[in-house]
Amino acid sequence: MRHVAGCALILLLAVGCGASGPTLDQAAQTLAKDARKLEYLHPTVNKRIVDKTGEDGNDFTSCSEKGTAFRFHQLSGDFAKDNQYTPAQLADLTTRPLQDALMRVGYKVDRNSSWVQPGRSFVILHKEDPGITFIVLVQSSQPNIEVIGKTDCLPASQ
């Protein structure tokens, strides 16, 4: 009986260890969906979007574990001319809506890595499942807004 219980425990552990987390494709789909939610909050001119969330965006060279890759999505732009606010004030007013939009869809602020000073903020947010990090940089100098989302290094087919 002990032998059967021991075998069952080993089988459960093996099955549990074999269960994999999210795939690179799943994480990239979530990244793309979450990044699109930020575009309407991006009050800019000269908007640039680099969307490398498709399979052609796999980056195998930056991941240390063989067979893993990451994908990213980048959004940047400049503040439109505003007679009511200075660029430093616009930077202060823009950071919070971007951060709040990501927090509403499950991201948590990394308070140890984020910082804010007048006219400039650097906020890092992470969603544990499926493993996505966003960096939000808002500043008075151009480009005024840069939002970079990146998946963790996850298993991918080459």
C-alpha atoms as a PDB file:
ATOM      1  CA  MET A   1       0.000   0.000   0.000  1.00  0.00           C
ATOM      2  CA  ARG A   2       2.842   2.395   0.810  1.00  0.00           C
ATOM      3  CA  HIS A   3       4.395   1.542  -2.521  1.00  0.00           C
ATOM      4  CA  VAL A   4       1.160   2.472  -4.357  1.00  0.00           C
ATOM      5  CA  ALA A   5       0.830   5.735  -2.382  1.00  0.00           C
ATOM      6  CA  GLY A   6       4.483   6.549  -3.100  1.00  0.00           C
ATOM      7  CA  CYS A   7       4.024   5.870  -6.813  1.00  0.00           C
ATOM      8  CA  ALA A   8       0.879   8.018  -6.876  1.00  0.00           C
ATOM      9  CA  LEU A   9       2.755  10.883  -5.194  1.00  0.00           C
ATOM     10  CA  ILE A  10       5.616  10.619  -7.687  1.00  0.00           C
ATOM     11  CA  LEU A  11       3.116  10.571 -10.565  1.00  0.00           C
ATOM     12  CA  LEU A  12       1.341  13.694  -9.236  1.00  0.00           C
ATOM     13  CA  LEU A  13       4.647  15.511  -8.830  1.00  0.00           C
ATOM     14  CA  ALA A  14       5.729  14.538 -12.323  1.00  0.00           C
ATOM     15  CA  VAL A  15       2.452  15.753 -13.798  1.00  0.00           C
ATOM     16  CA  GLY A  16       2.665  18.972 -11.785  1.00  0.00           C
ATOM     17  CA  CYS A  17       6.242  19.592 -12.887  1.00  0.00           C
ATOM     18  CA  GLY A  18       5.348  18.881 -16.480  1.00  0.00           C
ATOM     19  CA  ALA A  19       2.604  21.494 -16.508  1.00  0.00           C
ATOM     20  CA  SER A  20       3.877  24.474 -18.373  1.00  0.00           C
ATOM     21  CA  GLY A  21       3.052  28.123 -17.951  1.00  0.00           C
ATOM     22  CA  PRO A  22       1.884  30.445 -20.671  1.00  0.00           C
ATOM     23  CA  THR A  23       3.355  30.187 -24.130  1.00  0.00           C
ATOM     24  CA  LEU A  24       5.101  33.035 -25.887  1.00  0.00           C
ATOM     25  CA  ASP A  25       2.128  33.333 -28.281  1.00  0.00           C
ATOM     26  CA  GLN A  26      -0.338  33.630 -25.377  1.00  0.00           C
ATOM     27  CA  ALA A  27       1.755  36.258 -23.607  1.00  0.00           C
ATOM     28  CA  ALA A  28       2.259  38.205 -26.847  1.00  0.00           C
ATOM     29  CA  GLN A  29      -1.498  38.245 -27.541  1.00  0.00           C
ATOM     30  CA  THR A  30      -2.131  39.643 -24.055  1.00  0.00           C
ATOM     31  CA  LEU A  31       0.660  42.188 -24.517  1.00  0.00           C
ATOM     32  CA  ALA A  32      -0.825  43.410 -27.814  1.00  0.00           C
ATOM     33  CA  LYS A  33      -4.332  43.645 -26.328  1.00  0.00           C
ATOM     34  CA  ASP A  34      -3.124  45.552 -23.252  1.00  0.00           C
ATOM     35  CA  ALA A  35      -0.928  47.901 -25.298  1.00  0.00           C
ATOM     36  CA  ARG A  36      -3.844  48.821 -27.578  1.00  0.00           C
ATOM     37  CA  LYS A  37      -5.774  49.973 -24.502  1.00  0.00           C
ATOM     38  CA  LEU A  38      -3.140  52.668 -23.929  1.00  0.00           C
ATOM     39  CA  GLU A  39      -3.250  54.207 -27.390  1.00  0.00           C
ATOM     40  CA  TYR A  40      -6.285  56.400 -26.730  1.00  0.00           C
ATOM     41  CA  LEU A  41      -4.641  57.774 -23.566  1.00  0.00           C
ATOM     42  CA  HIS A  42      -1.633  58.849 -25.538  1.00  0.00           C
ATOM     43  CA  PRO A  43      -2.245  62.585 -26.284  1.00  0.00           C
ATOM     44  CA  THR A  44       0.556  63.014 -28.780  1.00  0.00           C
ATOM     45  CA  VAL A  45       1.717  64.006 -32.191  1.00  0.00           C
ATOM     46  CA  ASN A  46       4.390  62.099 -34.073  1.00  0.00           C
ATOM     47  CA  LYS A  47       2.986  58.871 -32.675  1.00  0.00           C
ATOM     48  CA  ARG A  48       5.110  55.835 -33.475  1.00  0.00           C
ATOM     49  CA  ILE A  49       4.130  52.236 -32.857  1.00  0.00           C
ATOM     50  CA  VAL A  50       6.480  49.293 -33.150  1.00  0.00           C
ATOM     51  CA  ASP A  51       4.442  46.109 -32.805  1.00  0.00           C
ATOM     52  CA  LYS A  52       6.630  43.020 -32.555  1.00  0.00           C
ATOM     53  CA  THR A  53       3.986  40.840 -30.901  1.00  0.00           C
ATOM     54  CA  GLY A  54       3.705  38.495 -33.869  1.00  0.00           C
ATOM     55  CA  GLU A  55       5.904  35.442 -34.399  1.00  0.00           C
ATOM     56  CA  ASP A  56       8.221  37.468 -36.644  1.00  0.00           C
ATOM     57  CA  GLY A  57       9.063  39.548 -33.552  1.00  0.00           C
ATOM     58  CA  ASN A  58      10.692  36.662 -31.654  1.00  0.00           C
ATOM     59  CA  ASP A  59      13.967  37.735 -30.056  1.00  0.00           C
ATOM     60  CA  PHE A  60      15.983  34.642 -29.196  1.00  0.00           C
ATOM     61  CA  THR A  61      19.301  36.463 -28.785  1.00  0.00           C
ATOM     62  CA  SER A  62      18.421  38.360 -25.604  1.00  0.00           C
ATOM     63  CA  CYS A  63      17.149  35.380 -23.591  1.00  0.00           C
ATOM     64  CA  SER A  64      19.619  33.278 -21.667  1.00  0.00           C
ATOM     65  CA  GLU A  65      17.671  30.009 -21.745  1.00  0.00           C
ATOM     66  CA  LYS A  66      17.894  28.135 -25.041  1.00  0.00           C
ATOM     67  CA  GLY A  67      14.606  27.902 -26.944  1.00  0.00           C
ATOM     68  CA  THR A  68      13.070  30.935 -25.234  1.00  0.00           C
ATOM     69  CA  ALA A  69      12.316  34.308 -26.755  1.00  0.00           C
ATOM     70  CA  PHE A  70      10.440  37.494 -25.984  1.00  0.00           C
ATOM     71  CA  ARG A  71       8.271  39.881 -27.970  1.00  0.00           C
ATOM     72  CA  PHE A  72       7.582  43.561 -27.457  1.00  0.00           C
ATOM     73  CA  HIS A  73       5.311  46.460 -28.299  1.00  0.00           C
ATOM     74  CA  GLN A  74       6.509  50.060 -28.213  1.00  0.00           C
ATOM     75  CA  LEU A  75       4.456  53.239 -28.340  1.00  0.00           C
ATOM     76  CA  SER A  76       6.052  56.684 -28.373  1.00  0.00           C
ATOM     77  CA  GLY A  77       5.218  60.248 -29.280  1.00  0.00           C
ATOM     78  CA  ASP A  78       5.468  63.912 -28.424  1.00  0.00           C
ATOM     79  CA  PHE A  79       3.061  66.209 -26.637  1.00  0.00           C
ATOM     80  CA  ALA A  80       0.939  68.346 -28.919  1.00  0.00           C
ATOM     81  CA  LYS A  81       1.411  72.098 -28.557  1.00  0.00           C
ATOM     82  CA  ASP A  82      -0.545  73.208 -25.510  1.00  0.00           C
ATOM     83  CA  ASN A  83      -0.973  76.823 -24.445  1.00  0.00           C
ATOM     84  CA  GLN A  84      -2.401  75.859 -21.055  1.00  0.00           C
ATOM     85  CA  TYR A  85       0.383  73.593 -19.731  1.00  0.00           C
ATOM     86  CA  THR A  86       4.162  73.414 -19.986  1.00  0.00           C
ATOM     87  CA  PRO A  87       5.777  70.146 -21.155  1.00  0.00           C
ATOM     88  CA  ALA A  88       6.784  69.425 -17.531  1.00  0.00           C
ATOM     89  CA  GLN A  89       3.177  69.846 -16.387  1.00  0.00           C
ATOM     90  CA  LEU A  90       1.920  67.659 -19.231  1.00  0.00           C
ATOM     91  CA  ALA A  91       4.400  64.969 -18.186  1.00  0.00           C
ATOM     92  CA  ASP A  92       3.056  65.083 -14.638  1.00  0.00           C
ATOM     93  CA  LEU A  93      -0.558  64.913 -15.865  1.00  0.00           C
ATOM     94  CA  THR A  94       0.017  62.086 -18.361  1.00  0.00           C
ATOM     95  CA  THR A  95       1.763  59.470 -16.238  1.00  0.00           C
ATOM     96  CA  ARG A  96      -1.095  58.559 -13.921  1.00  0.00           C
ATOM     97  CA  PRO A  97      -3.737  57.719 -16.582  1.00  0.00           C
ATOM     98  CA  LEU A  98      -1.280  55.399 -18.362  1.00  0.00           C
ATOM     99  CA  GLN A  99      -0.352  53.708 -15.083  1.00  0.00           C
ATOM    100  CA  ASP A 100      -3.978  53.387 -13.969  1.00  0.00           C
ATOM    101  CA  ALA A 101      -5.026  51.838 -17.312  1.00  0.00           C
ATOM    102  CA  LEU A 102      -2.416  49.103 -16.881  1.00  0.00           C
ATOM    103  CA  MET A 103      -3.328  48.536 -13.228  1.00  0.00           C
ATOM    104  CA  ARG A 104      -6.992  48.036 -14.234  1.00  0.00           C
ATOM    105  CA  VAL A 105      -5.963  45.045 -16.371  1.00  0.00           C
ATOM    106  CA  GLY A 106      -3.861  43.368 -13.682  1.00  0.00           C
ATOM    107  CA  TYR A 107      -0.432  45.033 -13.664  1.00  0.00           C
ATOM    108  CA  LYS A 108       1.284  45.916 -10.407  1.00  0.00           C
ATOM    109  CA  VAL A 109       3.737  48.795  -9.999  1.00  0.00           C
ATOM    110  CA  ASP A 110       7.295  47.824  -9.117  1.00  0.00           C
ATOM    111  CA  ARG A 111       7.797  50.507  -6.488  1.00  0.00           C
ATOM    112  CA  ASN A 112      11.482  49.646  -6.041  1.00  0.00           C
ATOM    113  CA  SER A 113      12.295  50.376  -9.682  1.00  0.00           C
ATOM    114  CA  SER A 114       9.889  53.238 -10.422  1.00  0.00           C
ATOM    115  CA  TRP A 115      10.510  56.891  -9.652  1.00  0.00           C
ATOM    116  CA  VAL A 116       8.901  60.255 -10.226  1.00  0.00           C
ATOM    117  CA  GLN A 117      10.321  63.747 -10.184  1.00  0.00           C
ATOM    118  CA  PRO A 118       8.744  66.968 -11.467  1.00  0.00           C
ATOM    119  CA  GLY A 119       8.490  66.774 -15.249  1.00  0.00           C
ATOM    120  CA  ARG A 120       9.689  63.182 -15.523  1.00  0.00           C
ATOM    121  CA  SER A 121       8.478  59.767 -14.405  1.00  0.00           C
ATOM    122  CA  PHE A 122       9.678  56.225 -14.952  1.00  0.00           C
ATOM    123  CA  VAL A 123       7.177  53.548 -13.949  1.00  0.00           C
ATOM    124  CA  ILE A 124       7.661  49.787 -14.266  1.00  0.00           C
ATOM    125  CA  LEU A 125       4.576  47.581 -14.090  1.00  0.00           C
ATOM    126  CA  HIS A 126       4.446  43.794 -14.218  1.00  0.00           C
ATOM    127  CA  LYS A 127       1.704  41.246 -14.800  1.00  0.00           C
ATOM    128  CA  GLU A 128       2.803  37.916 -13.335  1.00  0.00           C
ATOM    129  CA  ASP A 129       0.581  35.760 -15.513  1.00  0.00           C
ATOM    130  CA  PRO A 130       1.378  35.535 -18.412  1.00  0.00           C
ATOM    131  CA  GLY A 131       4.654  37.354 -17.664  1.00  0.00           C
ATOM    132  CA  ILE A 132       4.623  40.867 -19.144  1.00  0.00           C
ATOM    133  CA  THR A 133       6.455  44.019 -18.101  1.00  0.00           C
ATOM    134  CA  PHE A 134       5.597  47.569 -19.172  1.00  0.00           C
ATOM    135  CA  ILE A 135       7.964  50.499 -18.827  1.00  0.00           C
ATOM    136  CA  VAL A 136       6.251  53.888 -18.955  1.00  0.00           C
ATOM    137  CA  LEU A 137       8.547  56.888 -19.382  1.00  0.00           C
ATOM    138  CA  VAL A 138       6.951  60.334 -19.521  1.00  0.00           C
ATOM    139  CA  GLN A 139       9.169  63.407 -19.632  1.00  0.00           C
ATOM    140  CA  SER A 140       9.267  67.035 -20.706  1.00  0.00           C
ATOM    141  CA  SER A 141      11.955  66.335 -23.351  1.00  0.00           C
ATOM    142  CA  GLN A 142      11.178  64.580 -26.635  1.00  0.00           C
ATOM    143  CA  PRO A 143      10.076  61.936 -27.163  1.00  0.00           C
ATOM    144  CA  ASN A 144       7.723  62.921 -24.366  1.00  0.00           C
ATOM    145  CA  ILE A 145       6.082  59.537 -23.942  1.00  0.00           C
ATOM    146  CA  GLU A 146       7.561  56.083 -24.383  1.00  0.00           C
ATOM    147  CA  VAL A 147       5.654  52.958 -23.401  1.00  0.00           C
ATOM    148  CA  ILE A 148       7.467  49.679 -23.910  1.00  0.00           C
ATOM    149  CA  GLY A 149       5.785  46.355 -23.189  1.00  0.00           C
ATOM    150  CA  LYS A 150       7.803  43.139 -23.214  1.00  0.00           C
ATOM    151  CA  THR A 151       6.947  39.528 -22.530  1.00  0.00           C
ATOM    152  CA  ASP A 152       9.169  37.450 -20.303  1.00  0.00           C
ATOM    153  CA  CYS A 153      11.512  35.034 -22.058  1.00  0.00           C
ATOM    154  CA  LEU A 154       9.137  32.124 -22.743  1.00  0.00           C
ATOM    155  CA  PRO A 155       9.333  28.881 -24.696  1.00  0.00           C
ATOM    156  CA  ALA A 156       8.949  29.455 -28.410  1.00  0.00           C
ATOM    157  CA  SER A 157       9.272  27.362 -31.517  1.00  0.00           C
ATOM    158  CA  GLN A 158      12.150  28.375 -33.785  1.00  0.00           C
END
